[in-house]
């Protein structure tokens, strides 16, 4: 699903114009991005939680050459689905 698909769904279900639906989606994503930049998590009830996590530096290996190298520390975003979402997915796959 793309951003355009989300806009279409909002347009169909709520009846807002596509321009208004796009503005809502943009505001939502911009707010989430800013929250992640600040290092905070985003919890959406019934959906799940996005967390910003710090990964430590570690040793790695270049698979092409076999040379050892240092992987630098970085921040990553992880997602943990809510139990409600997990059960909905399980019911759908049965």
PDB file of N, CA and C in Angstrom:
ATOM      1  N   UNK A   1       0.850  -1.172   0.000  1.00  0.00           N
ATOM      2  CA  UNK A   1       0.000   0.000   0.000  1.00  0.00           C
ATOM      3  C   UNK A   1       0.894   1.233   0.000  1.00  0.00           C
ATOM      4  N   UNK A   2       0.554   2.193  -0.816  1.00  0.00           N
ATOM      5  CA  UNK A   2       1.316   3.431  -0.920  1.00  0.00           C
ATOM      6  C   UNK A   2       0.562   4.579  -0.262  1.00  0.00           C
ATOM      7  N   UNK A   3       1.225   5.724  -0.197  1.00  0.00           N
ATOM      8  CA  UNK A   3       0.589   6.912   0.356  1.00  0.00           C
ATOM      9  C   UNK A   3      -0.647   7.280  -0.478  1.00  0.00           C
ATOM     10  N   UNK A   4      -0.545   7.138  -1.790  1.00  0.00           N
ATOM     11  CA  UNK A   4      -1.680   7.430  -2.668  1.00  0.00           C
ATOM     12  C   UNK A   4      -2.857   6.492  -2.379  1.00  0.00           C
ATOM     13  N   UNK A   5      -2.557   5.235  -2.065  1.00  0.00           N
ATOM     14  CA  UNK A   5      -3.617   4.290  -1.705  1.00  0.00           C
ATOM     15  C   UNK A   5      -4.315   4.710  -0.415  1.00  0.00           C
ATOM     16  N   UNK A   6      -3.544   5.189   0.551  1.00  0.00           N
ATOM     17  CA  UNK A   6      -4.129   5.676   1.802  1.00  0.00           C
ATOM     18  C   UNK A   6      -5.038   6.872   1.545  1.00  0.00           C
ATOM     19  N   UNK A   7      -4.582   7.780   0.702  1.00  0.00           N
ATOM     20  CA  UNK A   7      -5.388   8.946   0.350  1.00  0.00           C
ATOM     21  C   UNK A   7      -6.698   8.505  -0.297  1.00  0.00           C
ATOM     22  N   UNK A   8      -6.627   7.537  -1.212  1.00  0.00           N
ATOM     23  CA  UNK A   8      -7.834   7.030  -1.873  1.00  0.00           C
ATOM     24  C   UNK A   8      -8.804   6.406  -0.874  1.00  0.00           C
ATOM     25  N   UNK A   9      -8.270   5.647   0.083  1.00  0.00           N
ATOM     26  CA  UNK A   9      -9.140   5.019   1.092  1.00  0.00           C
ATOM     27  C   UNK A   9      -9.853   6.070   1.934  1.00  0.00           C
ATOM     28  N   UNK A  10      -9.122   7.113   2.349  1.00  0.00           N
ATOM     29  CA  UNK A  10      -9.739   8.186   3.138  1.00  0.00           C
ATOM     30  C   UNK A  10     -10.794   8.896   2.298  1.00  0.00           C
ATOM     31  N   UNK A  11     -10.481   9.141   1.039  1.00  0.00           N
ATOM     32  CA  UNK A  11     -11.427   9.776   0.118  1.00  0.00           C
ATOM     33  C   UNK A  11     -12.710   8.952   0.008  1.00  0.00           C
ATOM     34  N   UNK A  12     -12.570   7.636  -0.129  1.00  0.00           N
ATOM     35  CA  UNK A  12     -13.728   6.760  -0.289  1.00  0.00           C
ATOM     36  C   UNK A  12     -14.547   6.621   0.995  1.00  0.00           C
ATOM     37  N   UNK A  13     -13.871   6.443   2.122  1.00  0.00           N
ATOM     38  CA  UNK A  13     -14.571   6.142   3.370  1.00  0.00           C
ATOM     39  C   UNK A  13     -15.136   7.368   4.070  1.00  0.00           C
ATOM     40  N   UNK A  14     -14.421   8.478   4.031  1.00  0.00           N
ATOM     41  CA  UNK A  14     -14.850   9.660   4.780  1.00  0.00           C
ATOM     42  C   UNK A  14     -15.511  10.695   3.873  1.00  0.00           C
ATOM     43  N   UNK A  15     -15.091  10.734   2.620  1.00  0.00           N
ATOM     44  CA  UNK A  15     -15.683  11.687   1.692  1.00  0.00           C
ATOM     45  C   UNK A  15     -14.945  13.008   1.614  1.00  0.00           C
ATOM     46  N   UNK A  16     -13.783  13.094   2.250  1.00  0.00           N
ATOM     47  CA  UNK A  16     -12.970  14.300   2.105  1.00  0.00           C
ATOM     48  C   UNK A  16     -12.410  14.348   0.688  1.00  0.00           C
ATOM     49  N   UNK A  17     -12.041  15.539   0.257  1.00  0.00           N
ATOM     50  CA  UNK A  17     -11.402  15.632  -1.048  1.00  0.00           C
ATOM     51  C   UNK A  17     -10.035  14.955  -0.979  1.00  0.00           C
ATOM     52  N   UNK A  18      -9.514  14.587  -2.128  1.00  0.00           N
ATOM     53  CA  UNK A  18      -8.201  13.934  -2.139  1.00  0.00           C
ATOM     54  C   UNK A  18      -7.120  14.881  -1.634  1.00  0.00           C
ATOM     55  N   UNK A  19      -7.267  16.162  -1.901  1.00  0.00           N
ATOM     56  CA  UNK A  19      -6.296  17.150  -1.421  1.00  0.00           C
ATOM     57  C   UNK A  19      -6.311  17.201   0.108  1.00  0.00           C
ATOM     58  N   UNK A  20      -7.504  17.219   0.709  1.00  0.00           N
ATOM     59  CA  UNK A  20      -7.615  17.247   2.169  1.00  0.00           C
ATOM     60  C   UNK A  20      -7.091  15.952   2.783  1.00  0.00           C
ATOM     61  N   UNK A  21      -7.394  14.831   2.146  1.00  0.00           N
ATOM     62  CA  UNK A  21      -6.914  13.542   2.641  1.00  0.00           C
ATOM     63  C   UNK A  21      -5.389  13.494   2.596  1.00  0.00           C
ATOM     64  N   UNK A  22      -4.797  14.002   1.522  1.00  0.00           N
ATOM     65  CA  UNK A  22      -3.333  14.039   1.404  1.00  0.00           C
ATOM     66  C   UNK A  22      -2.726  14.921   2.492  1.00  0.00           C
ATOM     67  N   UNK A  23      -3.351  16.059   2.768  1.00  0.00           N
ATOM     68  CA  UNK A  23      -2.855  16.957   3.817  1.00  0.00           C
ATOM     69  C   UNK A  23      -2.872  16.258   5.176  1.00  0.00           C
ATOM     70  N   UNK A  24      -3.929  15.512   5.454  1.00  0.00           N
ATOM     71  CA  UNK A  24      -4.022  14.777   6.722  1.00  0.00           C
ATOM     72  C   UNK A  24      -2.911  13.743   6.825  1.00  0.00           C
ATOM     73  N   UNK A  25      -2.706  12.982   5.761  1.00  0.00           N
ATOM     74  CA  UNK A  25      -1.646  11.967   5.743  1.00  0.00           C
ATOM     75  C   UNK A  25      -0.282  12.622   5.926  1.00  0.00           C
ATOM     76  N   UNK A  26      -0.026  13.733   5.227  1.00  0.00           N
ATOM     77  CA  UNK A  26       1.253  14.436   5.347  1.00  0.00           C
ATOM     78  C   UNK A  26       1.484  14.934   6.772  1.00  0.00           C
ATOM     79  N   UNK A  27       0.452  15.504   7.390  1.00  0.00           N
ATOM     80  CA  UNK A  27       0.575  15.987   8.775  1.00  0.00           C
ATOM     81  C   UNK A  27       0.875  14.819   9.712  1.00  0.00           C
ATOM     82  N   UNK A  28       0.181  13.705   9.521  1.00  0.00           N
ATOM     83  CA  UNK A  28       0.415  12.520  10.352  1.00  0.00           C
ATOM     84  C   UNK A  28       1.851  12.036  10.230  1.00  0.00           C
ATOM     85  N   UNK A  29       2.330  11.870   9.001  1.00  0.00           N
ATOM     86  CA  UNK A  29       3.692  11.374   8.801  1.00  0.00           C
ATOM     87  C   UNK A  29       4.741  12.366   9.285  1.00  0.00           C
ATOM     88  N   UNK A  30       4.520  13.657   9.054  1.00  0.00           N
ATOM     89  CA  UNK A  30       5.475  14.662   9.530  1.00  0.00           C
ATOM     90  C   UNK A  30       5.560  14.665  11.052  1.00  0.00           C
ATOM     91  N   UNK A  31       4.408  14.514  11.716  1.00  0.00           N
ATOM     92  CA  UNK A  31       4.389  14.462  13.177  1.00  0.00           C
ATOM     93  C   UNK A  31       5.134  13.228  13.679  1.00  0.00           C
ATOM     94  N   UNK A  32       4.906  12.085  13.027  1.00  0.00           N
ATOM     95  CA  UNK A  32       5.604  10.859  13.418  1.00  0.00           C
ATOM     96  C   UNK A  32       7.113  11.000  13.196  1.00  0.00           C
ATOM     97  N   UNK A  33       7.520  11.559  12.061  1.00  0.00           N
ATOM     98  CA  UNK A  33       8.950  11.750  11.775  1.00  0.00           C
ATOM     99  C   UNK A  33       9.606  12.616  12.840  1.00  0.00           C
ATOM    100  N   UNK A  34       8.949  13.738  13.191  1.00  0.00           N
ATOM    101  CA  UNK A  34       9.511  14.642  14.196  1.00  0.00           C
ATOM    102  C   UNK A  34       9.623  13.949  15.549  1.00  0.00           C
ATOM    103  N   UNK A  35       8.645  13.135  15.885  1.00  0.00           N
ATOM    104  CA  UNK A  35       8.678  12.390  17.145  1.00  0.00           C
ATOM    105  C   UNK A  35       9.854  11.413  17.157  1.00  0.00           C
ATOM    106  N   UNK A  36      10.097  10.738  16.043  1.00  0.00           N
ATOM    107  CA  UNK A  36      11.232   9.806  15.947  1.00  0.00           C
ATOM    108  C   UNK A  36      12.558  10.547  16.048  1.00  0.00           C
ATOM    109  N   UNK A  37      12.657  11.714  15.404  1.00  0.00           N
ATOM    110  CA  UNK A  37      13.888  12.514  15.462  1.00  0.00           C
ATOM    111  C   UNK A  37      14.194  12.898  16.905  1.00  0.00           C
ATOM    112  N   UNK A  38      13.161  13.165  17.685  1.00  0.00           N
ATOM    113  CA  UNK A  38      13.328  13.527  19.088  1.00  0.00           C
ATOM    114  C   UNK A  38      13.615  12.310  19.967  1.00  0.00           C
ATOM    115  N   UNK A  39      13.595  11.111  19.376  1.00  0.00           N
ATOM    116  CA  UNK A  39      13.931   9.894  20.118  1.00  0.00           C
ATOM    117  C   UNK A  39      12.770   9.297  20.888  1.00  0.00           C
ATOM    118  N   UNK A  40      11.567   9.736  20.627  1.00  0.00           N
ATOM    119  CA  UNK A  40      10.398   9.240  21.345  1.00  0.00           C
ATOM    120  C   UNK A  40       9.703   8.138  20.548  1.00  0.00           C
ATOM    121  N   UNK A  41       8.883   7.353  21.249  1.00  0.00           N
ATOM    122  CA  UNK A  41       8.136   6.291  20.582  1.00  0.00           C
ATOM    123  C   UNK A  41       6.743   6.792  20.218  1.00  0.00           C
ATOM    124  N   UNK A  42       6.113   6.089  19.272  1.00  0.00           N
ATOM    125  CA  UNK A  42       4.753   6.408  18.847  1.00  0.00           C
ATOM    126  C   UNK A  42       3.907   5.164  19.080  1.00  0.00           C
ATOM    127  N   UNK A  43       2.884   5.296  19.930  1.00  0.00           N
ATOM    128  CA  UNK A  43       1.997   4.180  20.227  1.00  0.00           C
ATOM    129  C   UNK A  43       0.623   4.487  19.652  1.00  0.00           C
ATOM    130  N   UNK A  44       0.142   3.578  18.804  1.00  0.00           N
ATOM    131  CA  UNK A  44      -1.174   3.719  18.203  1.00  0.00           C
ATOM    132  C   UNK A  44      -2.019   2.571  18.742  1.00  0.00           C
ATOM    133  N   UNK A  45      -2.975   2.913  19.583  1.00  0.00           N
ATOM    134  CA  UNK A  45      -3.807   1.914  20.242  1.00  0.00           C
ATOM    135  C   UNK A  45      -4.506   1.024  19.222  1.00  0.00           C
ATOM    136  N   UNK A  46      -4.438  -0.285  19.439  1.00  0.00           N
ATOM    137  CA  UNK A  46      -5.057  -1.241  18.540  1.00  0.00           C
ATOM    138  C   UNK A  46      -4.232  -1.566  17.311  1.00  0.00           C
ATOM    139  N   UNK A  47      -3.101  -0.883  17.132  1.00  0.00           N
ATOM    140  CA  UNK A  47      -2.237  -1.102  15.972  1.00  0.00           C
ATOM    141  C   UNK A  47      -0.858  -1.578  16.393  1.00  0.00           C
ATOM    142  N   UNK A  48      -0.155  -0.752  17.179  1.00  0.00           N
ATOM    143  CA  UNK A  48       1.164  -1.154  17.642  1.00  0.00           C
ATOM    144  C   UNK A  48       1.991   0.027  18.093  1.00  0.00           C
ATOM    145  N   UNK A  49       3.274  -0.244  18.368  1.00  0.00           N
ATOM    146  CA  UNK A  49       4.192   0.772  18.873  1.00  0.00           C
ATOM    147  C   UNK A  49       5.443   0.818  18.021  1.00  0.00           C
ATOM    148  N   UNK A  50       5.824   2.025  17.627  1.00  0.00           N
ATOM    149  CA  UNK A  50       7.076   2.267  16.928  1.00  0.00           C
ATOM    150  C   UNK A  50       8.059   2.812  17.961  1.00  0.00           C
ATOM    151  N   UNK A  51       9.237   2.189  18.072  1.00  0.00           N
ATOM    152  CA  UNK A  51      10.250   2.635  19.023  1.00  0.00           C
ATOM    153  C   UNK A  51      11.528   3.000  18.290  1.00  0.00           C
ATOM    154  N   UNK A  52      12.224   4.027  18.798  1.00  0.00           N
ATOM    155  CA  UNK A  52      13.551   4.366  18.304  1.00  0.00           C
ATOM    156  C   UNK A  52      14.538   3.665  19.224  1.00  0.00           C
ATOM    157  N   UNK A  53      15.429   2.878  18.635  1.00  0.00           N
ATOM    158  CA  UNK A  53      16.362   2.074  19.418  1.00  0.00           C
ATOM    159  C   UNK A  53      17.785   2.358  18.963  1.00  0.00           C
ATOM    160  N   UNK A  54      18.705   2.425  19.911  1.00  0.00           N
ATOM    161  CA  UNK A  54      20.119   2.647  19.605  1.00  0.00           C
ATOM    162  C   UNK A  54      20.810   1.301  19.439  1.00  0.00           C
ATOM    163  N   UNK A  55      21.447   1.100  18.299  1.00  0.00           N
ATOM    164  CA  UNK A  55      22.236  -0.116  18.085  1.00  0.00           C
ATOM    165  C   UNK A  55      23.698   0.235  18.340  1.00  0.00           C
ATOM    166  N   UNK A  56      24.356  -0.628  19.061  1.00  0.00           N
ATOM    167  CA  UNK A  56      25.758  -0.390  19.413  1.00  0.00           C
ATOM    168  C   UNK A  56      26.669  -0.747  18.233  1.00  0.00           C
ATOM    169  N   UNK A  57      27.896  -0.253  18.289  1.00  0.00           N
ATOM    170  CA  UNK A  57      28.889  -0.615  17.278  1.00  0.00           C
ATOM    171  C   UNK A  57      29.201  -2.105  17.413  1.00  0.00           C
ATOM    172  N   UNK A  58      29.480  -2.727  16.286  1.00  0.00           N
ATOM    173  CA  UNK A  58      29.806  -4.156  16.339  1.00  0.00           C
ATOM    174  C   UNK A  58      30.736  -4.513  15.192  1.00  0.00           C
ATOM    175  N   UNK A  59      31.323  -5.684  15.342  1.00  0.00           N
ATOM    176  CA  UNK A  59      32.224  -6.170  14.298  1.00  0.00           C
ATOM    177  C   UNK A  59      31.385  -6.873  13.244  1.00  0.00           C
ATOM    178  N   UNK A  60      31.776  -6.686  12.001  1.00  0.00           N
ATOM    179  CA  UNK A  60      31.080  -7.322  10.901  1.00  0.00           C
ATOM    180  C   UNK A  60      32.088  -7.875   9.911  1.00  0.00           C
ATOM    181  N   UNK A  61      31.573  -8.426   8.838  1.00  0.00           N
ATOM    182  CA  UNK A  61      32.436  -8.997   7.817  1.00  0.00           C
ATOM    183  C   UNK A  61      31.851  -8.672   6.452  1.00  0.00           C
ATOM    184  N   UNK A  62      32.696  -8.221   5.550  1.00  0.00           N
ATOM    185  CA  UNK A  62      32.289  -7.975   4.180  1.00  0.00           C
ATOM    186  C   UNK A  62      32.092  -9.336   3.512  1.00  0.00           C
ATOM    187  N   UNK A  63      30.874  -9.688   3.106  1.00  0.00           N
ATOM    188  CA  UNK A  63      30.643 -11.023   2.544  1.00  0.00           C
ATOM    189  C   UNK A  63      31.357 -11.254   1.220  1.00  0.00           C
ATOM    190  N   UNK A  64      31.655 -10.191   0.512  1.00  0.00           N
ATOM    191  CA  UNK A  64      32.316 -10.330  -0.791  1.00  0.00           C
ATOM    192  C   UNK A  64      33.805 -10.633  -0.642  1.00  0.00           C
ATOM    193  N   UNK A  65      34.475  -9.890   0.261  1.00  0.00           N
ATOM    194  CA  UNK A  65      35.923 -10.049   0.406  1.00  0.00           C
ATOM    195  C   UNK A  65      36.322 -10.848   1.637  1.00  0.00           C
ATOM    196  N   UNK A  66      35.424 -10.956   2.613  1.00  0.00           N
ATOM    197  CA  UNK A  66      35.741 -11.659   3.851  1.00  0.00           C
ATOM    198  C   UNK A  66      36.480 -10.797   4.858  1.00  0.00           C
ATOM    199  N   UNK A  67      36.742  -9.530   4.518  1.00  0.00           N
ATOM    200  CA  UNK A  67      37.462  -8.623   5.420  1.00  0.00           C
ATOM    201  C   UNK A  67      36.600  -8.251   6.619  1.00  0.00           C
ATOM    202  N   UNK A  68      37.237  -8.175   7.810  1.00  0.00           N
ATOM    203  CA  UNK A  68      36.561  -7.708   9.011  1.00  0.00           C
ATOM    204  C   UNK A  68      36.419  -6.196   8.929  1.00  0.00           C
ATOM    205  N   UNK A  69      35.314  -5.693   9.484  1.00  0.00           N
ATOM    206  CA  UNK A  69      35.108  -4.254   9.518  1.00  0.00           C
ATOM    207  C   UNK A  69      34.281  -3.887  10.732  1.00  0.00           C
ATOM    208  N   UNK A  70      34.277  -2.605  11.053  1.00  0.00           N
ATOM    209  CA  UNK A  70      33.529  -2.090  12.193  1.00  0.00           C
ATOM    210  C   UNK A  70      32.221  -1.489  11.684  1.00  0.00           C
ATOM    211  N   UNK A  71      31.090  -1.976  12.204  1.00  0.00           N
ATOM    212  CA  UNK A  71      29.786  -1.407  11.869  1.00  0.00           C
ATOM    213  C   UNK A  71      29.508  -0.325  12.901  1.00  0.00           C
ATOM    214  N   UNK A  72      29.290   0.884  12.432  1.00  0.00           N
ATOM    215  CA  UNK A  72      29.140   2.029  13.327  1.00  0.00           C
ATOM    216  C   UNK A  72      27.810   1.978  14.085  1.00  0.00           C
ATOM    217  N   UNK A  73      27.765   2.611  15.260  1.00  0.00           N
ATOM    218  CA  UNK A  73      26.503   2.660  15.999  1.00  0.00           C
ATOM    219  C   UNK A  73      25.486   3.501  15.234  1.00  0.00           C
ATOM    220  N   UNK A  74      24.215   3.167  15.389  1.00  0.00           N
ATOM    221  CA  UNK A  74      23.170   3.908  14.696  1.00  0.00           C
ATOM    222  C   UNK A  74      21.843   3.727  15.415  1.00  0.00           C
ATOM    223  N   UNK A  75      20.895   4.556  15.040  1.00  0.00           N
ATOM    224  CA  UNK A  75      19.548   4.450  15.587  1.00  0.00           C
ATOM    225  C   UNK A  75      18.656   3.806  14.532  1.00  0.00           C
ATOM    226  N   UNK A  76      17.760   2.938  14.981  1.00  0.00           N
ATOM    227  CA  UNK A  76      16.819   2.268  14.087  1.00  0.00           C
ATOM    228  C   UNK A  76      15.411   2.383  14.678  1.00  0.00           C
ATOM    229  N   UNK A  77      14.417   2.255  13.816  1.00  0.00           N
ATOM    230  CA  UNK A  77      13.031   2.256  14.268  1.00  0.00           C
ATOM    231  C   UNK A  77      12.527   0.820  14.225  1.00  0.00           C
ATOM    232  N   UNK A  78      11.956   0.370  15.329  1.00  0.00           N
ATOM    233  CA  UNK A  78      11.387  -0.970  15.394  1.00  0.00           C
ATOM    234  C   UNK A  78       9.874  -0.842  15.568  1.00  0.00           C
ATOM    235  N   UNK A  79       9.156  -1.880  15.171  1.00  0.00           N
ATOM    236  CA  UNK A  79       7.701  -1.892  15.312  1.00  0.00           C
ATOM    237  C   UNK A  79       7.285  -3.154  16.035  1.00  0.00           C
ATOM    238  N   UNK A  80       6.414  -2.982  17.020  1.00  0.00           N
ATOM    239  CA  UNK A  80       5.843  -4.118  17.736  1.00  0.00           C
ATOM    240  C   UNK A  80       4.324  -4.024  17.589  1.00  0.00           C
ATOM    241  N   UNK A  81       3.747  -5.021  16.926  1.00  0.00           N
ATOM    242  CA  UNK A  81       2.307  -5.039  16.680  1.00  0.00           C
ATOM    243  C   UNK A  81       1.547  -5.286  17.974  1.00  0.00           C
ATOM    244  N   UNK A  82       0.364  -4.677  18.080  1.00  0.00           N
ATOM    245  CA  UNK A  82      -0.482  -4.897  19.256  1.00  0.00           C
ATOM    246  C   UNK A  82      -1.089  -6.294  19.171  1.00  0.00           C
ATOM    247  N   UNK A  83      -1.536  -6.788  20.313  1.00  0.00           N
ATOM    248  CA  UNK A  83      -2.182  -8.102  20.337  1.00  0.00           C
ATOM    249  C   UNK A  83      -3.440  -8.110  19.470  1.00  0.00           C
ATOM    250  N   UNK A  84      -4.141  -6.998  19.437  1.00  0.00           N
ATOM    251  CA  UNK A  84      -5.351  -6.879  18.621  1.00  0.00           C
ATOM    252  C   UNK A  84      -5.006  -7.034  17.137  1.00  0.00           C
ATOM    253  N   UNK A  85      -3.938  -6.401  16.682  1.00  0.00           N
ATOM    254  CA  UNK A  85      -3.519  -6.525  15.289  1.00  0.00           C
ATOM    255  C   UNK A  85      -3.039  -7.932  14.980  1.00  0.00           C
ATOM    256  N   UNK A  86      -2.269  -8.503  15.911  1.00  0.00           N
ATOM    257  CA  UNK A  86      -1.781  -9.874  15.709  1.00  0.00           C
ATOM    258  C   UNK A  86      -2.930 -10.859  15.572  1.00  0.00           C
ATOM    259  N   UNK A  87      -3.934 -10.746  16.445  1.00  0.00           N
ATOM    260  CA  UNK A  87      -5.053 -11.685  16.379  1.00  0.00           C
ATOM    261  C   UNK A  87      -5.864 -11.475  15.101  1.00  0.00           C
ATOM    262  N   UNK A  88      -5.987 -10.232  14.644  1.00  0.00           N
ATOM    263  CA  UNK A  88      -6.682  -9.958  13.393  1.00  0.00           C
ATOM    264  C   UNK A  88      -5.982 -10.578  12.203  1.00  0.00           C
ATOM    265  N   UNK A  89      -4.653 -10.534  12.213  1.00  0.00           N
ATOM    266  CA  UNK A  89      -3.870 -11.131  11.135  1.00  0.00           C
ATOM    267  C   UNK A  89      -4.005 -12.646  11.169  1.00  0.00           C
ATOM    268  N   UNK A  90      -3.960 -13.230  12.367  1.00  0.00           N
ATOM    269  CA  UNK A  90      -4.090 -14.681  12.498  1.00  0.00           C
ATOM    270  C   UNK A  90      -5.444 -15.169  11.998  1.00  0.00           C
ATOM    271  N   UNK A  91      -6.510 -14.440  12.348  1.00  0.00           N
ATOM    272  CA  UNK A  91      -7.854 -14.841  11.917  1.00  0.00           C
ATOM    273  C   UNK A  91      -7.965 -14.785  10.402  1.00  0.00           C
ATOM    274  N   UNK A  92      -7.302 -13.819   9.797  1.00  0.00           N
ATOM    275  CA  UNK A  92      -7.358 -13.629   8.338  1.00  0.00           C
ATOM    276  C   UNK A  92      -6.647 -14.756   7.600  1.00  0.00           C
ATOM    277  N   UNK A  93      -5.588 -15.323   8.206  1.00  0.00           N
ATOM    278  CA  UNK A  93      -4.784 -16.357   7.551  1.00  0.00           C
ATOM    279  C   UNK A  93      -5.342 -17.753   7.720  1.00  0.00           C
ATOM    280  N   UNK A  94      -6.386 -17.932   8.496  1.00  0.00           N
ATOM    281  CA  UNK A  94      -6.922 -19.271   8.759  1.00  0.00           C
ATOM    282  C   UNK A  94      -7.734 -19.767   7.596  1.00  0.00           C
TER     283      UNK A  94
END
